[in-house]
C-alpha atoms as a PDB file:
ATOM      1  CA  MET A   1      68.704  32.955   9.398  1.00  0.00           C
ATOM      2  CA  ILE A   2      68.245  34.452  13.022  1.00  0.00           C
ATOM      3  CA  ARG A   3      71.195  36.207  12.375  1.00  0.00           C
ATOM      4  CA  ARG A   4      70.159  37.554   9.491  1.00  0.00           C
ATOM      5  CA  LEU A   5      67.104  38.329  10.647  1.00  0.00           C
ATOM      6  CA  THR A   6      68.123  40.546  13.661  1.00  0.00           C
ATOM      7  CA  VAL A   7      71.191  42.120  12.278  1.00  0.00           C
ATOM      8  CA  ARG A   8      70.679  45.611   9.869  1.00  0.00           C
ATOM      9  CA  PRO A   9      73.005  45.646   6.597  1.00  0.00           C
ATOM     10  CA  GLY A  10      75.955  48.698   7.489  1.00  0.00           C
ATOM     11  CA  ALA A  11      75.156  48.681  10.824  1.00  0.00           C
ATOM     12  CA  GLN A  12      74.394  45.933  13.753  1.00  0.00           C
ATOM     13  CA  CYS A  13      71.743  47.654  16.293  1.00  0.00           C
ATOM     14  CA  GLY A  14      68.423  47.959  13.593  1.00  0.00           C
ATOM     15  CA  ASP A  15      65.142  47.838  14.509  1.00  0.00           C
ATOM     16  CA  ASN A  16      64.370  44.051  14.153  1.00  0.00           C
ATOM     17  CA  ALA A  17      67.324  44.008  16.879  1.00  0.00           C
ATOM     18  CA  ARG A  18      65.091  46.621  19.047  1.00  0.00           C
ATOM     19  CA  ALA A  19      62.115  44.478  18.270  1.00  0.00           C
ATOM     20  CA  ALA A  20      63.291  41.438  18.902  1.00  0.00           C
ATOM     21  CA  VAL A  21      64.534  42.343  22.438  1.00  0.00           C
ATOM     22  CA  ARG A  22      60.832  44.134  22.850  1.00  0.00           C
ATOM     23  CA  LEU A  23      59.232  40.922  22.146  1.00  0.00           C
ATOM     24  CA  ALA A  24      61.512  38.545  24.804  1.00  0.00           C
ATOM     25  CA  PHE A  25      60.081  40.986  27.639  1.00  0.00           C
ATOM     26  CA  HIS A  26      57.036  40.919  26.366  1.00  0.00           C
ATOM     27  CA  ASP A  27      56.904  37.531  26.182  1.00  0.00           C
ATOM     28  CA  ALA A  28      58.671  36.843  29.527  1.00  0.00           C
ATOM     29  CA  GLY A  29      56.805  39.103  31.578  1.00  0.00           C
ATOM     30  CA  THR A  30      53.569  37.571  31.798  1.00  0.00           C
ATOM     31  CA  PHE A  31      54.972  34.864  34.431  1.00  0.00           C
ATOM     32  CA  SER A  32      54.213  35.239  37.804  1.00  0.00           C
ATOM     33  CA  LEU A  33      55.031  33.601  41.174  1.00  0.00           C
ATOM     34  CA  ALA A  34      51.753  34.445  42.296  1.00  0.00           C
ATOM     35  CA  ILE A  35      50.009  32.606  39.967  1.00  0.00           C
ATOM     36  CA  GLN A  36      52.122  30.029  39.453  1.00  0.00           C
ATOM     37  CA  ALA A  37      51.580  29.146  43.674  1.00  0.00           C
ATOM     38  CA  ARG A  38      47.985  29.016  43.023  1.00  0.00           C
ATOM     39  CA  GLY A  39      48.511  26.773  40.199  1.00  0.00           C
ATOM     40  CA  GLY A  40      47.015  28.739  37.515  1.00  0.00           C
ATOM     41  CA  ARG A  41      47.160  29.345  34.155  1.00  0.00           C
ATOM     42  CA  ASN A  42      50.573  31.275  34.086  1.00  0.00           C
ATOM     43  CA  GLY A  43      52.368  32.933  31.145  1.00  0.00           C
ATOM     44  CA  GLY A  44      56.477  32.995  30.671  1.00  0.00           C
ATOM     45  CA  ALA A  45      59.193  32.492  27.919  1.00  0.00           C
ATOM     46  CA  ASP A  46      57.255  29.791  26.666  1.00  0.00           C
ATOM     47  CA  GLY A  47      57.089  31.281  23.178  1.00  0.00           C
ATOM     48  CA  SER A  48      53.074  32.413  23.436  1.00  0.00           C
ATOM     49  CA  MET A  49      53.541  35.570  21.397  1.00  0.00           C
ATOM     50  CA  LEU A  50      54.587  33.347  18.332  1.00  0.00           C
ATOM     51  CA  ILE A  51      51.812  30.343  18.563  1.00  0.00           C
ATOM     52  CA  ASP A  52      48.553  32.336  19.924  1.00  0.00           C
ATOM     53  CA  PRO A  53      47.413  34.870  16.742  1.00  0.00           C
ATOM     54  CA  THR A  54      45.264  36.830  19.391  1.00  0.00           C
ATOM     55  CA  GLU A  55      48.125  38.084  21.451  1.00  0.00           C
ATOM     56  CA  ILE A  56      50.181  39.961  18.491  1.00  0.00           C
ATOM     57  CA  GLU A  57      46.556  41.781  18.808  1.00  0.00           C
ATOM     58  CA  ARG A  58      47.086  43.274  22.497  1.00  0.00           C
ATOM     59  CA  PRO A  59      47.593  46.966  22.667  1.00  0.00           C
ATOM     60  CA  ASP A  60      50.815  46.034  24.471  1.00  0.00           C
ATOM     61  CA  ASN A  61      52.300  44.336  21.333  1.00  0.00           C
ATOM     62  CA  ASN A  62      51.747  46.861  19.025  1.00  0.00           C
ATOM     63  CA  GLY A  63      54.693  47.257  17.136  1.00  0.00           C
ATOM     64  CA  LEU A  64      55.891  44.125  17.664  1.00  0.00           C
ATOM     65  CA  GLN A  65      53.803  42.811  14.105  1.00  0.00           C
ATOM     66  CA  GLN A  66      56.371  42.341  11.631  1.00  0.00           C
ATOM     67  CA  ILE A  67      59.285  40.439  14.254  1.00  0.00           C
ATOM     68  CA  VAL A  68      56.759  38.122  15.344  1.00  0.00           C
ATOM     69  CA  THR A  69      55.729  37.748  11.289  1.00  0.00           C
ATOM     70  CA  ALA A  70      59.072  36.615  10.972  1.00  0.00           C
ATOM     71  CA  LEU A  71      59.774  34.896  13.492  1.00  0.00           C
ATOM     72  CA  THR A  72      56.260  32.395  13.477  1.00  0.00           C
ATOM     73  CA  PRO A  73      57.851  29.776  10.252  1.00  0.00           C
ATOM     74  CA  LEU A  74      61.209  29.044  11.793  1.00  0.00           C
ATOM     75  CA  ALA A  75      59.761  27.006  14.765  1.00  0.00           C
ATOM     76  CA  ALA A  76      58.377  24.572  11.920  1.00  0.00           C
ATOM     77  CA  GLN A  77      60.982  24.711   9.889  1.00  0.00           C
ATOM     78  CA  PHE A  78      64.060  24.130  11.709  1.00  0.00           C
ATOM     79  CA  GLY A  79      62.074  21.261  13.975  1.00  0.00           C
ATOM     80  CA  VAL A  80      62.231  23.567  17.681  1.00  0.00           C
ATOM     81  CA  SER A  81      60.333  25.130  19.838  1.00  0.00           C
ATOM     82  CA  ASN A  82      58.637  28.782  18.993  1.00  0.00           C
ATOM     83  CA  ALA A  83      60.049  29.357  23.076  1.00  0.00           C
ATOM     84  CA  ASP A  84      63.555  29.075  21.716  1.00  0.00           C
ATOM     85  CA  ILE A  85      63.444  30.941  18.188  1.00  0.00           C
ATOM     86  CA  LEU A  86      61.750  33.986  20.271  1.00  0.00           C
ATOM     87  CA  HIS A  87      64.404  33.910  23.321  1.00  0.00           C
ATOM     88  CA  VAL A  88      67.364  32.471  21.314  1.00  0.00           C
ATOM     89  CA  THR A  89      66.591  35.527  18.811  1.00  0.00           C
ATOM     90  CA  GLY A  90      65.723  37.898  22.145  1.00  0.00           C
ATOM     91  CA  ILE A  91      69.798  37.354  23.221  1.00  0.00           C
ATOM     92  CA  LEU A  92      70.857  37.984  19.736  1.00  0.00           C
ATOM     93  CA  GLY A  93      68.880  40.996  19.094  1.00  0.00           C
ATOM     94  CA  VAL A  94      71.691  42.583  22.300  1.00  0.00           C
ATOM     95  CA  ILE A  95      74.901  40.795  20.980  1.00  0.00           C
ATOM     96  CA  VAL A  96      74.092  41.867  17.871  1.00  0.00           C
ATOM     97  CA  CYS A  97      74.179  45.686  19.323  1.00  0.00           C
ATOM     98  CA  PRO A  98      78.089  47.449  19.811  1.00  0.00           C
ATOM     99  CA  GLY A  99      78.487  46.683  23.188  1.00  0.00           C
ATOM    100  CA  GLY A 100      76.145  44.700  23.872  1.00  0.00           C
ATOM    101  CA  PRO A 101      76.547  41.542  26.583  1.00  0.00           C
ATOM    102  CA  VAL A 102      77.484  37.594  26.364  1.00  0.00           C
ATOM    103  CA  ILE A 103      73.917  36.682  27.833  1.00  0.00           C
ATOM    104  CA  GLU A 104      74.022  32.573  28.592  1.00  0.00           C
ATOM    105  CA  THR A 105      71.384  31.165  25.924  1.00  0.00           C
ATOM    106  CA  TRP A 106      69.553  27.725  26.910  1.00  0.00           C
ATOM    107  CA  VAL A 107      67.256  25.949  23.914  1.00  0.00           C
ATOM    108  CA  GLY A 108      65.383  22.955  24.836  1.00  0.00           C
ATOM    109  CA  ARG A 109      61.938  25.328  26.327  1.00  0.00           C
ATOM    110  CA  ARG A 110      58.433  23.795  26.402  1.00  0.00           C
ATOM    111  CA  ASP A 111      56.271  25.292  24.056  1.00  0.00           C
ATOM    112  CA  ALA A 112      53.058  27.352  25.187  1.00  0.00           C
ATOM    113  CA  ARG A 113      49.964  24.932  26.208  1.00  0.00           C
ATOM    114  CA  TRP A 114      47.828  28.353  26.749  1.00  0.00           C
ATOM    115  CA  ARG A 115      47.810  31.759  25.953  1.00  0.00           C
ATOM    116  CA  ASN A 116      49.464  33.933  28.022  1.00  0.00           C
ATOM    117  CA  PRO A 117      47.512  36.137  30.993  1.00  0.00           C
ATOM    118  CA  THR A 118      46.760  39.802  29.903  1.00  0.00           C
ATOM    119  CA  GLY A 119      46.871  42.823  32.186  1.00  0.00           C
ATOM    120  CA  LEU A 120      50.658  41.368  33.354  1.00  0.00           C
ATOM    121  CA  LEU A 121      52.888  44.103  31.662  1.00  0.00           C
ATOM    122  CA  PRO A 122      54.047  46.519  33.610  1.00  0.00           C
ATOM    123  CA  ASP A 123      52.922  50.432  31.862  1.00  0.00           C
ATOM    124  CA  VAL A 124      55.459  53.227  31.375  1.00  0.00           C
ATOM    125  CA  ASN A 125      52.779  55.157  34.063  1.00  0.00           C
ATOM    126  CA  ASP A 126      52.892  52.306  36.438  1.00  0.00           C
ATOM    127  CA  SER A 127      54.152  54.328  39.302  1.00  0.00           C
ATOM    128  CA  VAL A 128      57.354  52.712  40.502  1.00  0.00           C
ATOM    129  CA  LEU A 129      56.165  50.771  43.480  1.00  0.00           C
ATOM    130  CA  LYS A 130      53.514  48.887  41.525  1.00  0.00           C
ATOM    131  CA  MET A 131      56.212  48.045  39.106  1.00  0.00           C
ATOM    132  CA  VAL A 132      58.814  47.410  41.721  1.00  0.00           C
ATOM    133  CA  ALA A 133      55.854  44.708  42.910  1.00  0.00           C
ATOM    134  CA  ARG A 134      55.484  43.667  39.908  1.00  0.00           C
ATOM    135  CA  PHE A 135      58.957  42.802  38.925  1.00  0.00           C
ATOM    136  CA  LYS A 136      59.288  41.062  42.863  1.00  0.00           C
ATOM    137  CA  ASP A 137      56.434  38.659  41.089  1.00  0.00           C
ATOM    138  CA  MET A 138      58.425  37.667  38.359  1.00  0.00           C
ATOM    139  CA  GLY A 139      61.254  36.814  40.675  1.00  0.00           C
ATOM    140  CA  PHE A 140      63.454  40.164  39.936  1.00  0.00           C
ATOM    141  CA  ASN A 141      64.625  42.813  42.508  1.00  0.00           C
ATOM    142  CA  VAL A 142      65.249  46.236  42.317  1.00  0.00           C
ATOM    143  CA  ARG A 143      68.590  46.055  40.957  1.00  0.00           C
ATOM    144  CA  ASP A 144      67.607  43.418  38.164  1.00  0.00           C
ATOM    145  CA  LEU A 145      64.625  45.644  37.571  1.00  0.00           C
ATOM    146  CA  MET A 146      67.115  48.810  37.183  1.00  0.00           C
ATOM    147  CA  ALA A 147      69.717  46.932  35.192  1.00  0.00           C
ATOM    148  CA  LEU A 148      67.015  45.174  32.707  1.00  0.00           C
ATOM    149  CA  ILE A 149      65.603  49.199  31.987  1.00  0.00           C
ATOM    150  CA  GLY A 150      68.643  50.314  30.654  1.00  0.00           C
ATOM    151  CA  ALA A 151      67.590  47.880  27.141  1.00  0.00           C
ATOM    152  CA  HIS A 152      66.584  51.530  26.383  1.00  0.00           C
ATOM    153  CA  SER A 153      69.704  52.284  25.625  1.00  0.00           C
ATOM    154  CA  THR A 154      68.828  51.176  22.133  1.00  0.00           C
ATOM    155  CA  ALA A 155      65.644  51.438  22.141  1.00  0.00           C
ATOM    156  CA  LYS A 156      62.711  53.909  20.475  1.00  0.00           C
ATOM    157  CA  GLN A 157      59.364  54.635  21.494  1.00  0.00           C
ATOM    158  CA  ARG A 158      56.722  54.647  18.559  1.00  0.00           C
ATOM    159  CA  PHE A 159      53.489  54.500  20.242  1.00  0.00           C
ATOM    160  CA  VAL A 160      53.676  55.970  23.769  1.00  0.00           C
ATOM    161  CA  ASP A 161      53.772  59.789  21.891  1.00  0.00           C
ATOM    162  CA  PRO A 162      52.805  58.874  18.164  1.00  0.00           C
ATOM    163  CA  SER A 163      53.401  62.694  17.163  1.00  0.00           C
ATOM    164  CA  ARG A 164      57.371  61.964  18.250  1.00  0.00           C
ATOM    165  CA  ALA A 165      57.743  57.906  16.696  1.00  0.00           C
ATOM    166  CA  GLY A 166      61.015  56.869  16.114  1.00  0.00           C
ATOM    167  CA  GLU A 167      62.993  58.988  18.894  1.00  0.00           C
ATOM    168  CA  PRO A 168      65.503  57.102  21.282  1.00  0.00           C
ATOM    169  CA  GLN A 169      65.641  57.192  24.986  1.00  0.00           C
ATOM    170  CA  ASP A 170      69.075  58.434  25.107  1.00  0.00           C
ATOM    171  CA  THR A 171      71.032  60.366  22.100  1.00  0.00           C
ATOM    172  CA  THR A 172      72.782  57.257  21.766  1.00  0.00           C
ATOM    173  CA  PRO A 173      70.772  53.994  20.271  1.00  0.00           C
ATOM    174  CA  ASP A 174      72.718  52.839  17.961  1.00  0.00           C
ATOM    175  CA  ILE A 175      75.041  51.569  21.133  1.00  0.00           C
ATOM    176  CA  TRP A 176      74.147  49.132  23.897  1.00  0.00           C
ATOM    177  CA  ASP A 177      75.686  51.458  26.508  1.00  0.00           C
ATOM    178  CA  VAL A 178      75.152  53.450  30.061  1.00  0.00           C
ATOM    179  CA  LYS A 179      74.948  56.795  28.452  1.00  0.00           C
ATOM    180  CA  PHE A 180      70.849  56.100  29.405  1.00  0.00           C
ATOM    181  CA  TYR A 181      71.648  56.185  32.769  1.00  0.00           C
ATOM    182  CA  GLY A 182      73.563  59.635  33.241  1.00  0.00           C
ATOM    183  CA  GLU A 183      71.189  61.442  30.538  1.00  0.00           C
ATOM    184  CA  THR A 184      67.955  60.267  32.535  1.00  0.00           C
ATOM    185  CA  LEU A 185      69.272  61.470  35.807  1.00  0.00           C
ATOM    186  CA  ASN A 186      69.936  64.881  34.061  1.00  0.00           C
ATOM    187  CA  ASP A 187      66.469  67.138  34.382  1.00  0.00           C
ATOM    188  CA  THR A 188      67.307  68.282  30.943  1.00  0.00           C
ATOM    189  CA  VAL A 189      66.073  65.897  28.225  1.00  0.00           C
ATOM    190  CA  PRO A 190      68.214  65.955  24.852  1.00  0.00           C
ATOM    191  CA  GLU A 191      67.058  66.949  21.952  1.00  0.00           C
ATOM    192  CA  GLY A 192      65.886  64.189  19.943  1.00  0.00           C
ATOM    193  CA  VAL A 193      65.262  61.976  22.841  1.00  0.00           C
ATOM    194  CA  PHE A 194      62.282  61.095  24.656  1.00  0.00           C
ATOM    195  CA  ARG A 195      61.794  60.143  28.554  1.00  0.00           C
ATOM    196  CA  PHE A 196      59.007  57.147  29.571  1.00  0.00           C
ATOM    197  CA  ALA A 197      57.682  58.535  32.212  1.00  0.00           C
ATOM    198  CA  SER A 198      58.635  55.386  34.289  1.00  0.00           C
ATOM    199  CA  ASP A 199      62.052  56.060  33.714  1.00  0.00           C
ATOM    200  CA  HIS A 200      62.047  59.671  35.269  1.00  0.00           C
ATOM    201  CA  LYS A 201      61.074  58.355  37.810  1.00  0.00           C
ATOM    202  CA  PHE A 202      62.779  55.349  38.718  1.00  0.00           C
ATOM    203  CA  ALA A 203      65.931  58.005  38.378  1.00  0.00           C
ATOM    204  CA  ARG A 204      64.734  59.536  41.436  1.00  0.00           C
ATOM    205  CA  HIS A 205      62.348  57.605  43.683  1.00  0.00           C
ATOM    206  CA  PRO A 206      63.867  56.429  46.934  1.00  0.00           C
ATOM    207  CA  THR A 207      63.180  52.964  46.184  1.00  0.00           C
ATOM    208  CA  THR A 208      65.025  52.735  42.685  1.00  0.00           C
ATOM    209  CA  ARG A 209      67.231  55.548  42.957  1.00  0.00           C
ATOM    210  CA  ARG A 210      70.358  54.233  44.727  1.00  0.00           C
ATOM    211  CA  ASP A 211      70.427  51.213  42.079  1.00  0.00           C
ATOM    212  CA  PHE A 212      69.048  53.345  38.952  1.00  0.00           C
ATOM    213  CA  GLU A 213      72.830  54.980  39.698  1.00  0.00           C
ATOM    214  CA  ARG A 214      74.937  52.327  40.453  1.00  0.00           C
ATOM    215  CA  PHE A 215      75.496  51.889  36.372  1.00  0.00           C
ATOM    216  CA  VAL A 216      76.088  55.515  35.657  1.00  0.00           C
ATOM    217  CA  ASP A 217      79.826  55.664  33.820  1.00  0.00           C
ATOM    218  CA  ASP A 218      79.739  51.516  34.793  1.00  0.00           C
ATOM    219  CA  GLN A 219      79.139  49.602  31.672  1.00  0.00           C
ATOM    220  CA  ASP A 220      81.163  46.458  32.863  1.00  0.00           C
ATOM    221  CA  ASP A 221      78.659  46.318  36.351  1.00  0.00           C
ATOM    222  CA  TRP A 222      75.813  46.940  34.419  1.00  0.00           C
ATOM    223  CA  ASP A 223      77.131  44.336  31.604  1.00  0.00           C
ATOM    224  CA  GLU A 224      77.399  41.872  34.293  1.00  0.00           C
ATOM    225  CA  ASP A 225      73.723  42.571  35.953  1.00  0.00           C
ATOM    226  CA  TYR A 226      72.029  42.842  32.743  1.00  0.00           C
ATOM    227  CA  ALA A 227      73.343  39.564  31.439  1.00  0.00           C
ATOM    228  CA  ARG A 228      72.773  37.677  34.363  1.00  0.00           C
ATOM    229  CA  ALA A 229      68.599  39.326  35.002  1.00  0.00           C
ATOM    230  CA  HIS A 230      68.152  38.875  30.982  1.00  0.00           C
ATOM    231  CA  GLU A 231      69.547  35.229  31.567  1.00  0.00           C
ATOM    232  CA  GLN A 232      66.776  34.866  34.076  1.00  0.00           C
ATOM    233  CA  MET A 233      63.592  36.513  32.298  1.00  0.00           C
ATOM    234  CA  SER A 234      64.296  33.930  29.291  1.00  0.00           C
ATOM    235  CA  LEU A 235      63.977  30.797  31.189  1.00  0.00           C
ATOM    236  CA  LEU A 236      61.205  32.259  33.506  1.00  0.00           C
ATOM    237  CA  GLY A 237      58.220  29.509  33.353  1.00  0.00           C
ATOM    238  CA  GLN A 238      61.201  26.546  32.242  1.00  0.00           C
ATOM    239  CA  ASP A 239      62.665  23.896  34.256  1.00  0.00           C
ATOM    240  CA  ARG A 240      66.760  24.696  33.353  1.00  0.00           C
ATOM    241  CA  SER A 241      67.840  21.565  34.215  1.00  0.00           C
ATOM    242  CA  LYS A 242      65.736  20.153  31.126  1.00  0.00           C
ATOM    243  CA  LEU A 243      67.387  23.007  28.789  1.00  0.00           C
ATOM    244  CA  THR A 244      70.865  22.706  26.905  1.00  0.00           C
ATOM    245  CA  ARG A 245      73.246  25.464  27.008  1.00  0.00           C
ATOM    246  CA  CYS A 246      74.308  26.427  23.867  1.00  0.00           C
ATOM    247  CA  THR A 247      76.010  30.190  24.947  1.00  0.00           C
ATOM    248  CA  GLU A 248      78.780  29.323  21.827  1.00  0.00           C
ATOM    249  CA  ILE A 249      76.123  30.119  19.340  1.00  0.00           C
ATOM    250  CA  LEU A 250      76.476  33.344  19.577  1.00  0.00           C
ATOM    251  CA  PRO A 251      78.405  35.761  17.412  1.00  0.00           C
ATOM    252  CA  PRO A 252      81.514  37.738  19.342  1.00  0.00           C
ATOM    253  CA  LYS A 253      80.586  40.643  21.651  1.00  0.00           C
ATOM    254  CA  ILE A 254      81.462  44.626  19.994  1.00  0.00           C
ATOM    255  CA  ASP A 255      83.342  45.576  23.193  1.00  0.00           C
ATOM    256  CA  LEU A 256      82.730  49.488  23.128  1.00  0.00           C
ATOM    257  CA  GLY A 257      86.175  49.908  24.844  1.00  0.00           C
ATOM    258  CA  PRO A 258      88.483  50.086  22.145  1.00  0.00           C
ATOM    259  CA  LEU A 259      85.951  52.010  20.094  1.00  0.00           C
ATOM    260  CA  PHE A 260      86.074  55.511  21.807  1.00  0.00           C
ATOM    261  CA  VAL A 261      88.113  58.193  21.064  1.00  0.00           C
ATOM    262  CA  ASP A 262      88.664  61.574  22.914  1.00  0.00           C
ATOM    263  CA  ARG A 263      86.346  63.895  21.942  1.00  0.00           C
ATOM    264  CA  ASP A 264      88.072  67.459  22.429  1.00  0.00           C
ATOM    265  CA  ALA A 265      91.761  65.590  21.191  1.00  0.00           C
ATOM    266  CA  GLY A 266      90.611  64.194  18.449  1.00  0.00           C
ATOM    267  CA  HIS A 267      92.716  61.023  19.352  1.00  0.00           C
ATOM    268  CA  ASP A 268      92.680  58.161  16.559  1.00  0.00           C
ATOM    269  CA  ASP A 269      95.205  56.019  16.277  1.00  0.00           C
ATOM    270  CA  GLY A 270      93.704  54.786  13.336  1.00  0.00           C
ATOM    271  CA  LEU A 271      94.195  50.960  14.205  1.00  0.00           C
ATOM    272  CA  ASP A 272      91.657  47.798  13.590  1.00  0.00           C
ATOM    273  CA  HIS A 273      89.914  48.248  17.233  1.00  0.00           C
ATOM    274  CA  GLY A 274      87.169  46.439  19.100  1.00  0.00           C
ATOM    275  CA  VAL A 275      86.730  42.954  18.706  1.00  0.00           C
ATOM    276  CA  ASP A 276      89.815  41.260  19.306  1.00  0.00           C
ATOM    277  CA  GLY A 277      89.659  42.410  23.171  1.00  0.00           C
ATOM    278  CA  GLU A 278      92.607  44.834  22.805  1.00  0.00           C
ATOM    279  CA  GLN A 279      92.813  47.497  25.537  1.00  0.00           C
ATOM    280  CA  GLY A 280      91.172  50.951  23.941  1.00  0.00           C
ATOM    281  CA  PHE A 281      92.508  54.593  24.633  1.00  0.00           C
ATOM    282  CA  GLN A 282      92.041  55.506  28.121  1.00  0.00           C
ATOM    283  CA  PRO A 283      91.848  59.901  27.947  1.00  0.00           C
ATOM    284  CA  ASP A 284      92.340  61.617  31.698  1.00  0.00           C
ATOM    285  CA  ASP A 285      88.587  63.069  31.392  1.00  0.00           C
ATOM    286  CA  ALA A 286      86.163  60.674  30.301  1.00  0.00           C
ATOM    287  CA  THR A 287      83.081  63.112  29.987  1.00  0.00           C
ATOM    288  CA  SER A 288      85.663  63.482  26.477  1.00  0.00           C
ATOM    289  CA  LEU A 289      84.625  60.448  25.315  1.00  0.00           C
ATOM    290  CA  GLU A 290      82.712  59.403  22.542  1.00  0.00           C
ATOM    291  CA  VAL A 291      82.653  56.314  19.677  1.00  0.00           C
ATOM    292  CA  SER A 292      84.655  57.145  16.371  1.00  0.00           C
ATOM    293  CA  ALA A 293      81.938  56.278  13.805  1.00  0.00           C
ATOM    294  CA  GLU A 294      85.248  55.218  11.667  1.00  0.00           C
ATOM    295  CA  ARG A 295      86.542  52.839  13.920  1.00  0.00           C
ATOM    296  CA  LEU A 296      83.101  50.979  14.668  1.00  0.00           C
ATOM    297  CA  SER A 297      82.479  51.129  10.774  1.00  0.00           C
ATOM    298  CA  ARG A 298      85.968  48.582  10.092  1.00  0.00           C
ATOM    299  CA  VAL A 299      84.420  46.905  13.048  1.00  0.00           C
ATOM    300  CA  LEU A 300      81.655  45.833  11.127  1.00  0.00           C
ATOM    301  CA  ARG A 301      82.730  45.819   8.317  1.00  0.00           C
ATOM    302  CA  ARG A 302      85.171  42.305   9.977  1.00  0.00           C
ATOM    303  CA  LEU A 303      82.181  41.470  11.869  1.00  0.00           C
ATOM    304  CA  ARG A 304      79.524  41.696   8.700  1.00  0.00           C
ATOM    305  CA  GLY A 305      81.116  38.514   6.714  1.00  0.00           C
ATOM    306  CA  TYR A 306      80.636  36.324  10.335  1.00  0.00           C
ATOM    307  CA  TRP A 307      76.604  37.564  10.650  1.00  0.00           C
ATOM    308  CA  GLY A 308      75.870  37.292   7.444  1.00  0.00           C
ATOM    309  CA  ASN A 309      77.084  33.536   6.814  1.00  0.00           C
ATOM    310  CA  SER A 310      75.870  32.508   9.404  1.00  0.00           C
ATOM    311  CA  GLY A 311      72.760  30.284   9.738  1.00  0.00           C
END
C-alpha cells in the first residue's frame, strides 16, 4: 500500500515521494537534545504529524496536507504505529527515486504522546550558523547536514515563492543525484531552477563549504553519508534497541551508473541495464554524462510490476 502511494505511474520520483521525504524531515526535525536534557516535551520521529491535526496547520508544514491525509488511516488499518508508517514511507520516498540509496529501516517506534514543539524547523532564510546550531541540537554534525540537504536534488519548491511554484532545486529533479551540489556552487542558476537562499549560503560559507563540496561528482560518498544521516533522523527520540530491523522490505535500488550515456558521443548500447549492478559506460570526460531516458524507461518498466504489486 505504501509503495503504491509513493510510486508515480510511468516514473518513480513523483510528488508523493517528494512529500514523503519532506514529511519525515518535518516530523523528526522537532527533536532537541536540549529539551531532552531538561526533561521537557520533546519532538522526534514519533508520527505526531499523523496524530495531532493541528500540526499540519502550521505554516512550516504547508503543502504536506495531501500526504498526511493519505497516510493517516494506515496505522489503524495495519495495526502498526503512525511513526512507523510515516518514516518507512519517508525511506521509500528516497529509494523509489532513481539513484536513491538503501537506508537501514526499522519498525516498532512508539507514537507521540503530545504534539511536537513549535519553532524548531529550520527556515530557508536562516543564517548558516543558526542552521548548523539547530542540527547540532538534533545530534548532526556539519557533514551530516550537508548530506541531508542534498535531498533537494529531487525537491520542488511551492511556497517560498508561489509565483514560481513547482520549480526544482537542480536540473534533474526526477533523479537522486549529486548534480544539486555542483549546480549550487555555480553562481549562475540554471533556467527553471529555484535556488533556496540557505543552499546558496551553505555552498559558500566557510563553516559548511568544505563538506558541501565533498559531494560534488561523488555519488557513492553522498549515498553513504545521506543513508546514514537519514537513518539517524528516522530514529530521533526512539530507542533503537527496542526496534526491529526490516531493511529487506525495501524495493531494489535503481543504480544510476548503468543508465549513463555519453551525451557528446551519443553512446547507448541498447542493453537493459540499471537494476542488477552491472558496470555502466565509463566516458573519458565525465562532464558529458547524462542519464539515458530510454534506458531509465526500460528499467522502470521492469520494476513497475514489483512496486505496483507489493503491499
